[in-house]
Amino acid sequence: MVKIERERTIPAAAAQIWEVVASADRLPQWYARSGKVEVLEGVGQPAPRFALETVVRIKLEADGEASTRVVMESRQRPADLDKERAMRGNSEYLAKMLETSLERLEKIVTNG
């Protein structure tokens, strides 16, 4: 499993952030690795050929009344050892995509 995690404290209430991240339609607005979203029922699309599975997790922790710590975690299960090496070599880029996503999310919720 290849795991990358980034966090950021955003000056907004957790409920306000949740309104954005809980909506699949808004994903391309803030998630840097999303170009478009298609909501499917049942089983989703197969993972890309590099990963057998990709899971992105978002954790919100209130940090006072008007501030929230947002933790984004990406976990990918590589298809094989060669793919795992490539993913680990690309982990700096993937980490930057998570940081960019958190920056975009902050701009949306703070109208920045």
Protein backbone atom coordinates (compact mmCIF):
# COMPACT_ATOMS: atom_id res chain seq x y z
CA MET A 1 0.00 0.00 0.00
CA VAL A 2 1.30 3.46 -0.90
CA LYS A 3 -0.01 6.07 1.55
CA ILE A 4 0.34 9.85 1.26
CA GLU A 5 -1.16 12.27 3.75
CA ARG A 6 -1.32 16.06 3.96
CA GLU A 7 -3.14 18.38 6.33
CA ARG A 8 -4.09 22.03 6.58
CA THR A 9 -5.96 24.16 9.09
CA ILE A 10 -8.67 26.09 7.28
CA PRO A 11 -10.33 29.14 8.87
CA ALA A 12 -13.88 27.87 8.45
CA ALA A 13 -16.32 25.73 10.43
CA ALA A 14 -16.27 21.98 9.77
CA ALA A 15 -19.93 22.08 8.62
CA GLN A 16 -19.06 24.65 5.96
CA ILE A 17 -16.18 22.50 4.66
CA TRP A 18 -18.33 19.38 4.77
CA GLU A 19 -20.89 21.03 2.48
CA VAL A 20 -18.19 21.22 -0.20
CA VAL A 21 -16.42 17.87 0.24
CA ALA A 22 -19.62 15.84 0.66
CA SER A 23 -20.94 16.85 -2.76
CA ALA A 24 -19.59 14.67 -5.58
CA ASP A 25 -20.59 17.34 -8.10
CA ARG A 26 -18.19 19.82 -6.46
CA LEU A 27 -15.17 17.48 -6.52
CA PRO A 28 -13.61 18.97 -9.69
CA GLN A 29 -13.74 22.44 -8.08
CA TRP A 30 -11.32 21.54 -5.33
CA TYR A 31 -9.77 18.07 -5.84
CA ALA A 32 -6.70 18.56 -8.05
CA ARG A 33 -6.78 15.04 -9.52
CA SER A 34 -10.41 15.26 -10.66
CA GLY A 35 -11.34 16.50 -14.10
CA LYS A 36 -14.96 15.42 -14.00
CA VAL A 37 -17.28 13.33 -11.86
CA GLU A 38 -19.79 10.71 -12.88
CA VAL A 39 -21.92 9.39 -10.03
CA LEU A 40 -22.52 5.67 -10.40
CA GLU A 41 -24.78 3.33 -8.51
CA GLY A 42 -23.47 0.01 -7.31
CA VAL A 43 -19.96 -1.04 -8.21
CA GLY A 44 -17.70 1.74 -9.48
CA GLN A 45 -15.31 1.92 -12.38
CA PRO A 46 -12.13 -0.22 -12.26
CA ALA A 47 -9.08 1.50 -10.81
CA PRO A 48 -6.43 2.76 -13.23
CA ARG A 49 -3.89 0.21 -14.42
CA PHE A 50 -1.29 1.36 -11.88
CA ALA A 51 -3.48 0.69 -8.86
CA LEU A 52 -5.85 -2.12 -8.03
CA GLU A 53 -7.54 0.22 -5.60
CA THR A 54 -7.35 3.91 -4.72
CA VAL A 55 -9.00 5.34 -1.61
CA VAL A 56 -9.01 9.03 -0.69
CA ARG A 57 -10.07 9.85 2.84
CA ILE A 58 -10.88 13.27 4.29
CA LYS A 59 -10.97 13.86 8.02
CA LEU A 60 -12.32 17.08 9.54
CA GLU A 61 -11.48 18.08 13.12
CA ALA A 62 -12.89 21.26 14.63
CA ASP A 63 -10.11 23.54 15.85
CA GLY A 64 -12.16 26.09 17.74
CA GLU A 65 -15.43 27.55 16.50
CA ALA A 66 -14.23 28.95 13.20
CA SER A 67 -11.29 26.76 12.24
CA THR A 68 -10.98 23.16 11.04
CA ARG A 69 -8.02 20.84 10.64
CA VAL A 70 -8.48 18.96 7.37
CA VAL A 71 -6.47 15.77 6.79
CA MET A 72 -6.41 14.25 3.30
CA GLU A 73 -5.05 10.76 2.84
CA SER A 74 -4.58 8.85 -0.39
CA ARG A 75 -4.01 5.09 -0.26
CA GLN A 76 -3.25 3.11 -3.38
CA ARG A 77 -2.77 -0.64 -3.72
CA PRO A 78 -0.33 -1.09 -6.62
CA ALA A 79 -1.08 -3.65 -9.32
CA ASP A 80 2.43 -5.15 -9.03
CA LEU A 81 5.97 -4.40 -7.75
CA ASP A 82 6.94 -2.36 -10.82
CA LYS A 83 3.84 -0.21 -10.42
CA GLU A 84 4.60 0.21 -6.71
CA ARG A 85 8.10 1.49 -7.51
CA ALA A 86 6.66 3.94 -10.02
CA MET A 87 4.03 5.14 -7.54
CA ARG A 88 6.61 5.64 -4.79
CA GLY A 89 8.81 7.54 -7.24
CA ASN A 90 5.81 9.70 -8.08
CA SER A 91 4.78 10.23 -4.44
CA GLU A 92 6.17 13.79 -4.28
CA TYR A 93 3.89 14.78 -7.18
CA LEU A 94 0.89 13.05 -5.55
CA ALA A 95 1.62 14.84 -2.26
CA LYS A 96 1.68 18.17 -4.14
CA MET A 97 -1.73 17.33 -5.64
CA LEU A 98 -3.13 16.82 -2.12
CA GLU A 99 -1.63 20.15 -1.01
CA THR A 100 -3.11 21.87 -4.06
CA SER A 101 -6.49 20.31 -3.27
CA LEU A 102 -6.39 21.65 0.28
CA GLU A 103 -5.45 25.12 -1.03
CA ARG A 104 -8.40 25.05 -3.46
CA LEU A 105 -10.74 23.87 -0.72
CA GLU A 106 -9.65 26.73 1.53
CA LYS A 107 -10.23 29.28 -1.25
CA ILE A 108 -13.74 27.96 -1.86
CA VAL A 109 -14.87 28.01 1.76
CA THR A 110 -13.23 31.35 2.59
CA ASN A 111 -14.26 33.00 -0.70
CA GLY A 112 -10.57 33.68 -1.27
